[in-house]
PDB file of N, CA and C in Angstrom:
ATOM      1  N   MET A   1       5.474  49.235  14.342  1.00  0.00           N
ATOM      2  CA  MET A   1       5.462  48.288  15.397  1.00  0.00           C
ATOM      3  C   MET A   1       4.867  47.023  14.873  1.00  0.00           C
ATOM      4  N   PRO A   2       5.620  45.837  15.040  1.00  0.00           N
ATOM      5  CA  PRO A   2       5.123  44.595  14.458  1.00  0.00           C
ATOM      6  C   PRO A   2       3.923  44.095  15.305  1.00  0.00           C
ATOM      7  N   VAL A   3       3.029  43.426  14.673  1.00  0.00           N
ATOM      8  CA  VAL A   3       1.860  42.845  15.283  1.00  0.00           C
ATOM      9  C   VAL A   3       2.230  41.437  15.688  1.00  0.00           C
ATOM     10  N   LEU A   4       1.996  41.080  16.934  1.00  0.00           N
ATOM     11  CA  LEU A   4       2.257  39.776  17.359  1.00  0.00           C
ATOM     12  C   LEU A   4       0.899  38.963  17.277  1.00  0.00           C
ATOM     13  N   LEU A   5       0.967  37.884  16.586  1.00  0.00           N
ATOM     14  CA  LEU A   5      -0.210  37.073  16.545  1.00  0.00           C
ATOM     15  C   LEU A   5      -0.218  35.933  17.547  1.00  0.00           C
ATOM     16  N   LYS A   6      -1.269  35.741  18.239  1.00  0.00           N
ATOM     17  CA  LYS A   6      -1.337  34.727  19.225  1.00  0.00           C
ATOM     18  C   LYS A   6      -1.758  33.396  18.449  1.00  0.00           C
ATOM     19  N   THR A   7      -1.059  32.335  18.845  1.00  0.00           N
ATOM     20  CA  THR A   7      -1.434  31.069  18.170  1.00  0.00           C
ATOM     21  C   THR A   7      -2.684  30.574  18.885  1.00  0.00           C
ATOM     22  N   HIS A   8      -3.485  30.063  18.024  1.00  0.00           N
ATOM     23  CA  HIS A   8      -4.750  29.481  18.506  1.00  0.00           C
ATOM     24  C   HIS A   8      -4.474  28.193  19.226  1.00  0.00           C
ATOM     25  N   PRO A   9      -5.138  27.804  20.345  1.00  0.00           N
ATOM     26  CA  PRO A   9      -4.832  26.551  21.051  1.00  0.00           C
ATOM     27  C   PRO A   9      -4.986  25.341  20.104  1.00  0.00           C
ATOM     28  N   LEU A  10      -5.859  25.454  19.101  1.00  0.00           N
ATOM     29  CA  LEU A  10      -6.015  24.201  18.307  1.00  0.00           C
ATOM     30  C   LEU A  10      -4.830  24.011  17.314  1.00  0.00           C
ATOM     31  N   THR A  11      -4.066  25.048  17.131  1.00  0.00           N
ATOM     32  CA  THR A  11      -2.982  24.967  16.094  1.00  0.00           C
ATOM     33  C   THR A  11      -1.990  23.824  16.404  1.00  0.00           C
ATOM     34  N   HIS A  12      -1.736  23.660  17.628  1.00  0.00           N
ATOM     35  CA  HIS A  12      -0.750  22.552  17.968  1.00  0.00           C
ATOM     36  C   HIS A  12      -1.451  21.197  17.796  1.00  0.00           C
ATOM     37  N   ARG A  13      -2.754  21.148  18.088  1.00  0.00           N
ATOM     38  CA  ARG A  13      -3.453  19.848  17.830  1.00  0.00           C
ATOM     39  C   ARG A  13      -3.536  19.539  16.384  1.00  0.00           C
ATOM     40  N   VAL A  14      -3.754  20.565  15.568  1.00  0.00           N
ATOM     41  CA  VAL A  14      -3.840  20.359  14.126  1.00  0.00           C
ATOM     42  C   VAL A  14      -2.500  19.944  13.603  1.00  0.00           C
ATOM     43  N   GLN A  15      -1.454  20.556  14.067  1.00  0.00           N
ATOM     44  CA  GLN A  15      -0.078  20.195  13.633  1.00  0.00           C
ATOM     45  C   GLN A  15       0.258  18.732  14.012  1.00  0.00           C
ATOM     46  N   HIS A  16      -0.191  18.325  15.226  1.00  0.00           N
ATOM     47  CA  HIS A  16       0.068  17.010  15.670  1.00  0.00           C
ATOM     48  C   HIS A  16      -0.699  16.012  14.820  1.00  0.00           C
ATOM     49  N   PHE A  17      -1.976  16.376  14.493  1.00  0.00           N
ATOM     50  CA  PHE A  17      -2.803  15.511  13.625  1.00  0.00           C
ATOM     51  C   PHE A  17      -2.225  15.358  12.288  1.00  0.00           C
ATOM     52  N   GLU A  18      -1.717  16.505  11.671  1.00  0.00           N
ATOM     53  CA  GLU A  18      -1.121  16.400  10.324  1.00  0.00           C
ATOM     54  C   GLU A  18       0.158  15.670  10.271  1.00  0.00           C
ATOM     55  N   SER A  19       0.961  15.731  11.373  1.00  0.00           N
ATOM     56  CA  SER A  19       2.248  15.059  11.385  1.00  0.00           C
ATOM     57  C   SER A  19       2.177  13.572  11.820  1.00  0.00           C
ATOM     58  N   TYR A  20       1.279  13.256  12.762  1.00  0.00           N
ATOM     59  CA  TYR A  20       1.373  11.946  13.379  1.00  0.00           C
ATOM     60  C   TYR A  20       0.156  11.097  13.163  1.00  0.00           C
ATOM     61  N   VAL A  21      -1.013  11.682  12.946  1.00  0.00           N
ATOM     62  CA  VAL A  21      -2.256  10.887  12.856  1.00  0.00           C
ATOM     63  C   VAL A  21      -2.602  10.732  11.330  1.00  0.00           C
ATOM     64  N   ARG A  22      -2.584  11.739  10.576  1.00  0.00           N
ATOM     65  CA  ARG A  22      -2.999  11.727   9.147  1.00  0.00           C
ATOM     66  C   ARG A  22      -2.136  10.687   8.347  1.00  0.00           C
ATOM     67  N   PRO A  23      -0.846  10.632   8.555  1.00  0.00           N
ATOM     68  CA  PRO A  23      -0.140   9.618   7.750  1.00  0.00           C
ATOM     69  C   PRO A  23      -0.651   8.144   8.004  1.00  0.00           C
ATOM     70  N   TRP A  24      -1.012   7.854   9.248  1.00  0.00           N
ATOM     71  CA  TRP A  24      -1.527   6.510   9.481  1.00  0.00           C
ATOM     72  C   TRP A  24      -2.852   6.291   8.904  1.00  0.00           C
ATOM     73  N   LEU A  25      -3.706   7.413   8.909  1.00  0.00           N
ATOM     74  CA  LEU A  25      -4.983   7.230   8.198  1.00  0.00           C
ATOM     75  C   LEU A  25      -4.841   7.073   6.693  1.00  0.00           C
ATOM     76  N   ALA A  26      -3.797   7.769   6.197  1.00  0.00           N
ATOM     77  CA  ALA A  26      -3.519   7.634   4.768  1.00  0.00           C
ATOM     78  C   ALA A  26      -3.016   6.237   4.432  1.00  0.00           C
ATOM     79  N   PHE A  27      -2.194   5.678   5.334  1.00  0.00           N
ATOM     80  CA  PHE A  27      -1.725   4.386   5.211  1.00  0.00           C
ATOM     81  C   PHE A  27      -2.854   3.339   5.127  1.00  0.00           C
ATOM     82  N   ALA A  28      -3.752   3.483   6.127  1.00  0.00           N
ATOM     83  CA  ALA A  28      -4.903   2.545   6.178  1.00  0.00           C
ATOM     84  C   ALA A  28      -5.792   2.650   4.941  1.00  0.00           C
ATOM     85  N   LEU A  29      -6.104   3.940   4.553  1.00  0.00           N
ATOM     86  CA  LEU A  29      -7.135   4.045   3.450  1.00  0.00           C
ATOM     87  C   LEU A  29      -6.528   3.969   2.107  1.00  0.00           C
ATOM     88  N   VAL A  30      -5.202   4.289   1.961  1.00  0.00           N
ATOM     89  CA  VAL A  30      -4.573   4.275   0.603  1.00  0.00           C
ATOM     90  C   VAL A  30      -3.831   3.010   0.304  1.00  0.00           C
ATOM     91  N   SER A  31      -3.315   2.372   1.358  1.00  0.00           N
ATOM     92  CA  SER A  31      -2.474   1.164   1.117  1.00  0.00           C
ATOM     93  C   SER A  31      -3.079  -0.162   1.744  1.00  0.00           C
ATOM     94  N   ALA A  32      -3.380  -0.077   3.010  1.00  0.00           N
ATOM     95  CA  ALA A  32      -3.760  -1.329   3.686  1.00  0.00           C
ATOM     96  C   ALA A  32      -5.190  -1.825   3.228  1.00  0.00           C
ATOM     97  N   VAL A  33      -6.152  -1.067   3.221  1.00  0.00           N
ATOM     98  CA  VAL A  33      -7.533  -1.497   2.830  1.00  0.00           C
ATOM     99  C   VAL A  33      -7.549  -1.963   1.352  1.00  0.00           C
ATOM    100  N   PRO A  34      -6.996  -1.188   0.386  1.00  0.00           N
ATOM    101  CA  PRO A  34      -6.987  -1.637  -0.945  1.00  0.00           C
ATOM    102  C   PRO A  34      -6.198  -3.015  -1.121  1.00  0.00           C
ATOM    103  N   PHE A  35      -5.069  -3.093  -0.393  1.00  0.00           N
ATOM    104  CA  PHE A  35      -4.282  -4.271  -0.526  1.00  0.00           C
ATOM    105  C   PHE A  35      -5.051  -5.547  -0.056  1.00  0.00           C
ATOM    106  N   VAL A  36      -5.699  -5.298   1.063  1.00  0.00           N
ATOM    107  CA  VAL A  36      -6.541  -6.477   1.595  1.00  0.00           C
ATOM    108  C   VAL A  36      -7.618  -6.829   0.624  1.00  0.00           C
ATOM    109  N   LEU A  37      -8.329  -5.821   0.079  1.00  0.00           N
ATOM    110  CA  LEU A  37      -9.339  -6.083  -0.937  1.00  0.00           C
ATOM    111  C   LEU A  37      -8.873  -6.716  -2.125  1.00  0.00           C
ATOM    112  N   ILE A  38      -7.776  -6.333  -2.664  1.00  0.00           N
ATOM    113  CA  ILE A  38      -7.118  -6.931  -3.831  1.00  0.00           C
ATOM    114  C   ILE A  38      -6.681  -8.360  -3.508  1.00  0.00           C
ATOM    115  N   ALA A  39      -6.074  -8.586  -2.391  1.00  0.00           N
ATOM    116  CA  ALA A  39      -5.593  -9.913  -2.032  1.00  0.00           C
ATOM    117  C   ALA A  39      -6.760 -10.889  -1.819  1.00  0.00           C
ATOM    118  N   VAL A  40      -7.819 -10.405  -1.128  1.00  0.00           N
ATOM    119  CA  VAL A  40      -9.052 -11.260  -0.939  1.00  0.00           C
ATOM    120  C   VAL A  40      -9.699 -11.624  -2.282  1.00  0.00           C
ATOM    121  N   CYS A  41      -9.897 -10.677  -3.109  1.00  0.00           N
ATOM    122  CA  CYS A  41     -10.474 -10.892  -4.381  1.00  0.00           C
ATOM    123  C   CYS A  41      -9.649 -11.937  -5.249  1.00  0.00           C
ATOM    124  N   ASN A  42      -8.306 -11.678  -5.298  1.00  0.00           N
ATOM    125  CA  ASN A  42      -7.437 -12.565  -5.959  1.00  0.00           C
ATOM    126  C   ASN A  42      -7.432 -13.961  -5.368  1.00  0.00           C
ATOM    127  N   ALA A  43      -7.515 -14.076  -4.112  1.00  0.00           N
ATOM    128  CA  ALA A  43      -7.649 -15.390  -3.449  1.00  0.00           C
ATOM    129  C   ALA A  43      -8.927 -16.090  -3.819  1.00  0.00           C
ATOM    130  N   LEU A  44      -9.992 -15.303  -3.879  1.00  0.00           N
ATOM    131  CA  LEU A  44     -11.270 -15.887  -4.331  1.00  0.00           C
ATOM    132  C   LEU A  44     -11.191 -16.375  -5.815  1.00  0.00           C
ATOM    133  N   ILE A  45     -10.555 -15.613  -6.653  1.00  0.00           N
ATOM    134  CA  ILE A  45     -10.403 -16.075  -8.018  1.00  0.00           C
ATOM    135  C   ILE A  45      -9.536 -17.300  -8.108  1.00  0.00           C
ATOM    136  N   VAL A  46      -8.493 -17.369  -7.363  1.00  0.00           N
ATOM    137  CA  VAL A  46      -7.604 -18.601  -7.428  1.00  0.00           C
ATOM    138  C   VAL A  46      -8.466 -19.722  -6.864  1.00  0.00           C
ATOM    139  N   PHE A  47      -9.190 -19.547  -5.764  1.00  0.00           N
ATOM    140  CA  PHE A  47     -10.009 -20.599  -5.218  1.00  0.00           C
ATOM    141  C   PHE A  47     -11.058 -21.135  -6.141  1.00  0.00           C
ATOM    142  N   ALA A  48     -11.744 -20.223  -6.903  1.00  0.00           N
ATOM    143  CA  ALA A  48     -12.698 -20.572  -7.878  1.00  0.00           C
ATOM    144  C   ALA A  48     -12.044 -21.350  -9.002  1.00  0.00           C
ATOM    145  N   LEU A  49     -10.886 -20.955  -9.432  1.00  0.00           N
ATOM    146  CA  LEU A  49     -10.186 -21.683 -10.476  1.00  0.00           C
ATOM    147  C   LEU A  49      -9.716 -23.081  -9.966  1.00  0.00           C
ATOM    148  N   LEU A  50      -9.366 -23.175  -8.714  1.00  0.00           N
ATOM    149  CA  LEU A  50      -8.962 -24.470  -8.161  1.00  0.00           C
ATOM    150  C   LEU A  50     -10.134 -25.409  -8.096  1.00  0.00           C
ATOM    151  N   LEU A  51     -11.333 -24.923  -7.718  1.00  0.00           N
ATOM    152  CA  LEU A  51     -12.578 -25.739  -7.739  1.00  0.00           C
ATOM    153  C   LEU A  51     -12.902 -26.198  -9.103  1.00  0.00           C
ATOM    154  N   ARG A  52     -12.779 -25.286 -10.098  1.00  0.00           N
ATOM    155  CA  ARG A  52     -13.096 -25.683 -11.442  1.00  0.00           C
ATOM    156  C   ARG A  52     -12.078 -26.597 -11.978  1.00  0.00           C
ATOM    157  N   ARG A  53     -10.886 -26.538 -11.609  1.00  0.00           N
ATOM    158  CA  ARG A  53      -9.825 -27.510 -12.077  1.00  0.00           C
ATOM    159  C   ARG A  53     -10.102 -28.847 -11.440  1.00  0.00           C
ATOM    160  N   ARG A  54     -10.575 -28.895 -10.182  1.00  0.00           N
ATOM    161  CA  ARG A  54     -10.795 -30.184  -9.566  1.00  0.00           C
ATOM    162  C   ARG A  54     -11.994 -30.900 -10.236  1.00  0.00           C
ATOM    163  N   LYS A  55     -12.983 -30.100 -10.629  1.00  0.00           N
ATOM    164  CA  LYS A  55     -14.113 -30.669 -11.312  1.00  0.00           C
ATOM    165  C   LYS A  55     -13.755 -31.197 -12.675  1.00  0.00           C
ATOM    166  N   ALA A  56     -12.913 -30.431 -13.349  1.00  0.00           N
ATOM    167  CA  ALA A  56     -12.439 -30.897 -14.730  1.00  0.00           C
ATOM    168  C   ALA A  56     -11.576 -32.152 -14.619  1.00  0.00           C
ATOM    169  N   ILE A  57     -10.723 -32.241 -13.600  1.00  0.00           N
ATOM    170  CA  ILE A  57      -9.921 -33.463 -13.375  1.00  0.00           C
ATOM    171  C   ILE A  57     -10.738 -34.647 -13.174  1.00  0.00           C
ATOM    172  N   GLY A  58     -11.869 -34.486 -12.420  1.00  0.00           N
ATOM    173  CA  GLY A  58     -12.770 -35.625 -12.132  1.00  0.00           C
ATOM    174  C   GLY A  58     -13.477 -36.175 -13.391  1.00  0.00           C
ATOM    175  N   LYS A  59     -13.764 -35.274 -14.363  1.00  0.00           N
ATOM    176  CA  LYS A  59     -14.425 -35.654 -15.555  1.00  0.00           C
ATOM    177  C   LYS A  59     -13.544 -36.133 -16.661  1.00  0.00           C
ATOM    178  N   GLN A  60     -12.375 -35.567 -16.737  1.00  0.00           N
ATOM    179  CA  GLN A  60     -11.462 -35.975 -17.790  1.00  0.00           C
ATOM    180  C   GLN A  60     -10.050 -35.775 -17.340  1.00  0.00           C
ATOM    181  N   SER A  61      -9.139 -36.232 -18.133  1.00  0.00           N
ATOM    182  CA  SER A  61      -7.729 -36.039 -17.757  1.00  0.00           C
ATOM    183  C   SER A  61      -7.291 -34.594 -17.932  1.00  0.00           C
ATOM    184  N   SER A  62      -6.390 -34.130 -17.066  1.00  0.00           N
ATOM    185  CA  SER A  62      -5.984 -32.793 -17.115  1.00  0.00           C
ATOM    186  C   SER A  62      -4.918 -32.582 -18.147  1.00  0.00           C
ATOM    187  N   SER A  63      -4.976 -31.549 -18.924  1.00  0.00           N
ATOM    188  CA  SER A  63      -3.952 -31.269 -19.900  1.00  0.00           C
ATOM    189  C   SER A  63      -2.942 -30.315 -19.340  1.00  0.00           C
ATOM    190  N   SER A  64      -1.743 -30.499 -19.884  1.00  0.00           N
ATOM    191  CA  SER A  64      -0.604 -29.658 -19.355  1.00  0.00           C
ATOM    192  C   SER A  64      -0.905 -28.147 -19.777  1.00  0.00           C
ATOM    193  N   ARG A  65      -1.575 -27.901 -20.847  1.00  0.00           N
ATOM    194  CA  ARG A  65      -1.838 -26.432 -21.170  1.00  0.00           C
ATOM    195  C   ARG A  65      -2.711 -25.816 -20.105  1.00  0.00           C
ATOM    196  N   LYS A  66      -3.796 -26.524 -19.716  1.00  0.00           N
ATOM    197  CA  LYS A  66      -4.663 -26.004 -18.668  1.00  0.00           C
ATOM    198  C   LYS A  66      -3.951 -25.778 -17.326  1.00  0.00           C
ATOM    199  N   ASP A  67      -3.095 -26.758 -16.980  1.00  0.00           N
ATOM    200  CA  ASP A  67      -2.259 -26.608 -15.806  1.00  0.00           C
ATOM    201  C   ASP A  67      -1.391 -25.426 -15.836  1.00  0.00           C
ATOM    202  N   ARG A  68      -0.697 -25.178 -16.975  1.00  0.00           N
ATOM    203  CA  ARG A  68       0.116 -24.113 -17.112  1.00  0.00           C
ATOM    204  C   ARG A  68      -0.603 -22.751 -17.044  1.00  0.00           C
ATOM    205  N   LEU A  69      -1.818 -22.686 -17.642  1.00  0.00           N
ATOM    206  CA  LEU A  69      -2.641 -21.510 -17.585  1.00  0.00           C
ATOM    207  C   LEU A  69      -3.050 -21.242 -16.147  1.00  0.00           C
ATOM    208  N   PHE A  70      -3.395 -22.344 -15.386  1.00  0.00           N
ATOM    209  CA  PHE A  70      -3.755 -22.092 -14.012  1.00  0.00           C
ATOM    210  C   PHE A  70      -2.611 -21.596 -13.142  1.00  0.00           C
ATOM    211  N   VAL A  71      -1.511 -22.056 -13.410  1.00  0.00           N
ATOM    212  CA  VAL A  71      -0.308 -21.565 -12.701  1.00  0.00           C
ATOM    213  C   VAL A  71       0.027 -20.104 -13.080  1.00  0.00           C
ATOM    214  N   GLN A  72      -0.080 -19.831 -14.324  1.00  0.00           N
ATOM    215  CA  GLN A  72       0.114 -18.398 -14.814  1.00  0.00           C
ATOM    216  C   GLN A  72      -0.874 -17.501 -14.169  1.00  0.00           C
ATOM    217  N   LEU A  73      -2.152 -17.818 -14.124  1.00  0.00           N
ATOM    218  CA  LEU A  73      -3.154 -16.921 -13.608  1.00  0.00           C
ATOM    219  C   LEU A  73      -2.928 -16.747 -12.137  1.00  0.00           C
ATOM    220  N   THR A  74      -2.562 -17.849 -11.393  1.00  0.00           N
ATOM    221  CA  THR A  74      -2.321 -17.743 -10.017  1.00  0.00           C
ATOM    222  C   THR A  74      -1.100 -16.835  -9.708  1.00  0.00           C
ATOM    223  N   ALA A  75      -0.108 -17.017 -10.488  1.00  0.00           N
ATOM    224  CA  ALA A  75       1.081 -16.052 -10.406  1.00  0.00           C
ATOM    225  C   ALA A  75       0.798 -14.651 -10.667  1.00  0.00           C
ATOM    226  N   LEU A  76      -0.082 -14.428 -11.638  1.00  0.00           N
ATOM    227  CA  LEU A  76      -0.610 -13.071 -12.012  1.00  0.00           C
ATOM    228  C   LEU A  76      -1.350 -12.518 -10.858  1.00  0.00           C
ATOM    229  N   CYS A  77      -2.191 -13.225 -10.262  1.00  0.00           N
ATOM    230  CA  CYS A  77      -2.959 -12.640  -9.069  1.00  0.00           C
ATOM    231  C   CYS A  77      -2.098 -12.330  -7.896  1.00  0.00           C
ATOM    232  N   LEU A  78      -1.151 -13.217  -7.595  1.00  0.00           N
ATOM    233  CA  LEU A  78      -0.230 -12.988  -6.547  1.00  0.00           C
ATOM    234  C   LEU A  78       0.713 -11.745  -6.846  1.00  0.00           C
ATOM    235  N   ALA A  79       1.120 -11.676  -8.066  1.00  0.00           N
ATOM    236  CA  ALA A  79       2.007 -10.497  -8.458  1.00  0.00           C
ATOM    237  C   ALA A  79       1.199  -9.222  -8.401  1.00  0.00           C
ATOM    238  N   ALA A  80      -0.032  -9.227  -8.801  1.00  0.00           N
ATOM    239  CA  ALA A  80      -0.866  -7.957  -8.741  1.00  0.00           C
ATOM    240  C   ALA A  80      -0.960  -7.450  -7.271  1.00  0.00           C
ATOM    241  N   SER A  81      -1.218  -8.358  -6.366  1.00  0.00           N
ATOM    242  CA  SER A  81      -1.321  -8.001  -4.928  1.00  0.00           C
ATOM    243  C   SER A  81       0.038  -7.452  -4.427  1.00  0.00           C
ATOM    244  N   GLY A  82       1.108  -8.171  -4.682  1.00  0.00           N
ATOM    245  CA  GLY A  82       2.436  -7.814  -4.222  1.00  0.00           C
ATOM    246  C   GLY A  82       2.917  -6.516  -4.891  1.00  0.00           C
ATOM    247  N   LEU A  83       2.663  -6.385  -6.183  1.00  0.00           N
ATOM    248  CA  LEU A  83       3.114  -5.112  -6.856  1.00  0.00           C
ATOM    249  C   LEU A  83       2.382  -3.864  -6.384  1.00  0.00           C
ATOM    250  N   PHE A  84       1.076  -4.012  -6.070  1.00  0.00           N
ATOM    251  CA  PHE A  84       0.316  -2.957  -5.495  1.00  0.00           C
ATOM    252  C   PHE A  84       0.987  -2.509  -4.193  1.00  0.00           C
ATOM    253  N   LEU A  85       1.265  -3.430  -3.372  1.00  0.00           N
ATOM    254  CA  LEU A  85       2.002  -3.121  -2.044  1.00  0.00           C
ATOM    255  C   LEU A  85       3.316  -2.490  -2.257  1.00  0.00           C
ATOM    256  N   VAL A  86       4.133  -3.076  -3.134  1.00  0.00           N
ATOM    257  CA  VAL A  86       5.488  -2.529  -3.377  1.00  0.00           C
ATOM    258  C   VAL A  86       5.447  -1.130  -3.938  1.00  0.00           C
ATOM    259  N   CYS A  87       4.453  -0.828  -4.755  1.00  0.00           N
ATOM    260  CA  CYS A  87       4.364   0.502  -5.347  1.00  0.00           C
ATOM    261  C   CYS A  87       3.779   1.569  -4.470  1.00  0.00           C
ATOM    262  N   SER A  88       2.929   1.188  -3.560  1.00  0.00           N
ATOM    263  CA  SER A  88       2.277   2.143  -2.708  1.00  0.00           C
ATOM    264  C   SER A  88       3.027   2.343  -1.382  1.00  0.00           C
ATOM    265  N   LEU A  89       3.925   1.469  -0.922  1.00  0.00           N
ATOM    266  CA  LEU A  89       4.533   1.627   0.371  1.00  0.00           C
ATOM    267  C   LEU A  89       5.582   2.714   0.462  1.00  0.00           C
ATOM    268  N   PRO A  90       6.442   2.898  -0.567  1.00  0.00           N
ATOM    269  CA  PRO A  90       7.515   3.950  -0.380  1.00  0.00           C
ATOM    270  C   PRO A  90       6.987   5.309  -0.015  1.00  0.00           C
ATOM    271  N   SER A  91       5.902   5.771  -0.678  1.00  0.00           N
ATOM    272  CA  SER A  91       5.359   7.115  -0.289  1.00  0.00           C
ATOM    273  C   SER A  91       4.766   7.116   1.042  1.00  0.00           C
ATOM    274  N   ILE A  92       4.130   5.989   1.453  1.00  0.00           N
ATOM    275  CA  ILE A  92       3.548   5.959   2.788  1.00  0.00           C
ATOM    276  C   ILE A  92       4.613   5.939   3.843  1.00  0.00           C
ATOM    277  N   VAL A  93       5.647   5.161   3.600  1.00  0.00           N
ATOM    278  CA  VAL A  93       6.787   5.092   4.615  1.00  0.00           C
ATOM    279  C   VAL A  93       7.461   6.540   4.737  1.00  0.00           C
ATOM    280  N   LEU A  94       7.583   7.226   3.664  1.00  0.00           N
ATOM    281  CA  LEU A  94       8.062   8.575   3.673  1.00  0.00           C
ATOM    282  C   LEU A  94       7.178   9.490   4.488  1.00  0.00           C
ATOM    283  N   LEU A  95       5.910   9.369   4.266  1.00  0.00           N
ATOM    284  CA  LEU A  95       4.843  10.168   4.924  1.00  0.00           C
ATOM    285  C   LEU A  95       4.871   9.931   6.439  1.00  0.00           C
ATOM    286  N   ILE A  96       4.832   8.661   6.808  1.00  0.00           N
ATOM    287  CA  ILE A  96       4.895   8.231   8.250  1.00  0.00           C
ATOM    288  C   ILE A  96       6.140   8.558   8.905  1.00  0.00           C
ATOM    289  N   GLY A  97       7.280   8.303   8.268  1.00  0.00           N
ATOM    290  CA  GLY A  97       8.569   8.512   8.919  1.00  0.00           C
ATOM    291  C   GLY A  97       9.059   9.925   8.996  1.00  0.00           C
ATOM    292  N   LYS A  98       8.525  10.876   8.110  1.00  0.00           N
ATOM    293  CA  LYS A  98       9.006  12.179   8.063  1.00  0.00           C
ATOM    294  C   LYS A  98       9.078  12.934   9.377  1.00  0.00           C
ATOM    295  N   PRO A  99       8.023  12.855  10.209  1.00  0.00           N
ATOM    296  CA  PRO A  99       8.104  13.592  11.540  1.00  0.00           C
ATOM    297  C   PRO A  99       9.143  12.969  12.522  1.00  0.00           C
ATOM    298  N   TYR A 100       9.568  11.741  12.297  1.00  0.00           N
ATOM    299  CA  TYR A 100      10.429  11.132  13.277  1.00  0.00           C
ATOM    300  C   TYR A 100      11.916  11.270  12.821  1.00  0.00           C
ATOM    301  N   TRP A 101      12.183  11.712  11.633  1.00  0.00           N
ATOM    302  CA  TRP A 101      13.532  11.901  11.183  1.00  0.00           C
ATOM    303  C   TRP A 101      14.047  13.250  11.504  1.00  0.00           C
ATOM    304  N   ASN A 102      15.083  13.362  12.282  1.00  0.00           N
ATOM    305  CA  ASN A 102      15.632  14.631  12.739  1.00  0.00           C
ATOM    306  C   ASN A 102      16.836  15.021  11.894  1.00  0.00           C
ATOM    307  N   VAL A 103      16.509  15.235  10.581  1.00  0.00           N
ATOM    308  CA  VAL A 103      17.564  15.599   9.675  1.00  0.00           C
ATOM    309  C   VAL A 103      17.329  17.075   9.237  1.00  0.00           C
ATOM    310  N   PRO A 104      18.333  17.935   9.398  1.00  0.00           N
ATOM    311  CA  PRO A 104      18.087  19.286   8.890  1.00  0.00           C
ATOM    312  C   PRO A 104      17.870  19.317   7.375  1.00  0.00           C
ATOM    313  N   LYS A 105      16.957  20.144   6.960  1.00  0.00           N
ATOM    314  CA  LYS A 105      16.538  20.132   5.556  1.00  0.00           C
ATOM    315  C   LYS A 105      17.665  20.491   4.615  1.00  0.00           C
ATOM    316  N   GLY A 106      18.530  21.464   5.001  1.00  0.00           N
ATOM    317  CA  GLY A 106      19.602  21.932   4.135  1.00  0.00           C
ATOM    318  C   GLY A 106      20.826  21.032   4.143  1.00  0.00           C
ATOM    319  N   LYS A 107      20.910  20.077   5.015  1.00  0.00           N
ATOM    320  CA  LYS A 107      22.233  19.361   5.228  1.00  0.00           C
ATOM    321  C   LYS A 107      22.269  18.091   4.380  1.00  0.00           C
ATOM    322  N   ASN A 108      21.177  17.450   4.122  1.00  0.00           N
ATOM    323  CA  ASN A 108      21.159  16.192   3.470  1.00  0.00           C
ATOM    324  C   ASN A 108      20.504  16.177   2.127  1.00  0.00           C
ATOM    325  N   PRO A 109      21.321  15.990   0.987  1.00  0.00           N
ATOM    326  CA  PRO A 109      20.721  16.078  -0.327  1.00  0.00           C
ATOM    327  C   PRO A 109      19.639  14.949  -0.588  1.00  0.00           C
ATOM    328  N   ALA A 110      19.771  13.830   0.062  1.00  0.00           N
ATOM    329  CA  ALA A 110      18.849  12.742  -0.171  1.00  0.00           C
ATOM    330  C   ALA A 110      17.476  13.125   0.411  1.00  0.00           C
ATOM    331  N   TYR A 111      17.519  13.900   1.565  1.00  0.00           N
ATOM    332  CA  TYR A 111      16.229  14.351   2.162  1.00  0.00           C
ATOM    333  C   TYR A 111      15.655  15.414   1.239  1.00  0.00           C
ATOM    334  N   GLN A 112      16.444  16.231   0.606  1.00  0.00           N
ATOM    335  CA  GLN A 112      15.824  17.197  -0.310  1.00  0.00           C
ATOM    336  C   GLN A 112      15.197  16.531  -1.458  1.00  0.00           C
ATOM    337  N   VAL A 113      15.712  15.463  -1.992  1.00  0.00           N
ATOM    338  CA  VAL A 113      15.165  14.764  -3.129  1.00  0.00           C
ATOM    339  C   VAL A 113      13.845  14.121  -2.740  1.00  0.00           C
ATOM    340  N   CYS A 114      13.748  13.575  -1.539  1.00  0.00           N
ATOM    341  CA  CYS A 114      12.580  12.836  -1.076  1.00  0.00           C
ATOM    342  C   CYS A 114      11.487  13.745  -0.514  1.00  0.00           C
ATOM    343  N   SER A 115      11.912  14.909  -0.060  1.00  0.00           N
ATOM    344  CA  SER A 115      10.995  15.841   0.589  1.00  0.00           C
ATOM    345  C   SER A 115       9.957  16.391  -0.339  1.00  0.00           C
ATOM    346  N   TYR A 116       8.794  16.508   0.113  1.00  0.00           N
ATOM    347  CA  TYR A 116       7.669  17.073  -0.761  1.00  0.00           C
ATOM    348  C   TYR A 116       7.296  18.384  -0.271  1.00  0.00           C
ATOM    349  N   THR A 117       7.945  18.926   0.790  1.00  0.00           N
ATOM    350  CA  THR A 117       7.620  20.249   1.248  1.00  0.00           C
ATOM    351  C   THR A 117       8.742  21.289   0.989  1.00  0.00           C
TER     352      THR A 117
END
């Protein structure tokens, strides 16, 4: 005779948390907060360079080499912030969107490639 197991009342709450709440927490802690920190720090770096550049322009004429280095460093800071976001978002989008996609697992090969379960 098979033994029937009763589901614990918290089981549904845990499943809801794992499917709908945890992905948003992961997004906040893994993508959003680090992106904001990186962007703010890079903005402070660019701001400090801009202040230093203004002081240097007041004292002497600006060289094209220093201008080029300033532009390159600014572009590097912006690229680092953007690249972090671009690299971390696909996994978070998959994690957040998975419970909302009603695709049978065996029917769609793209789902099988992207699925981690």
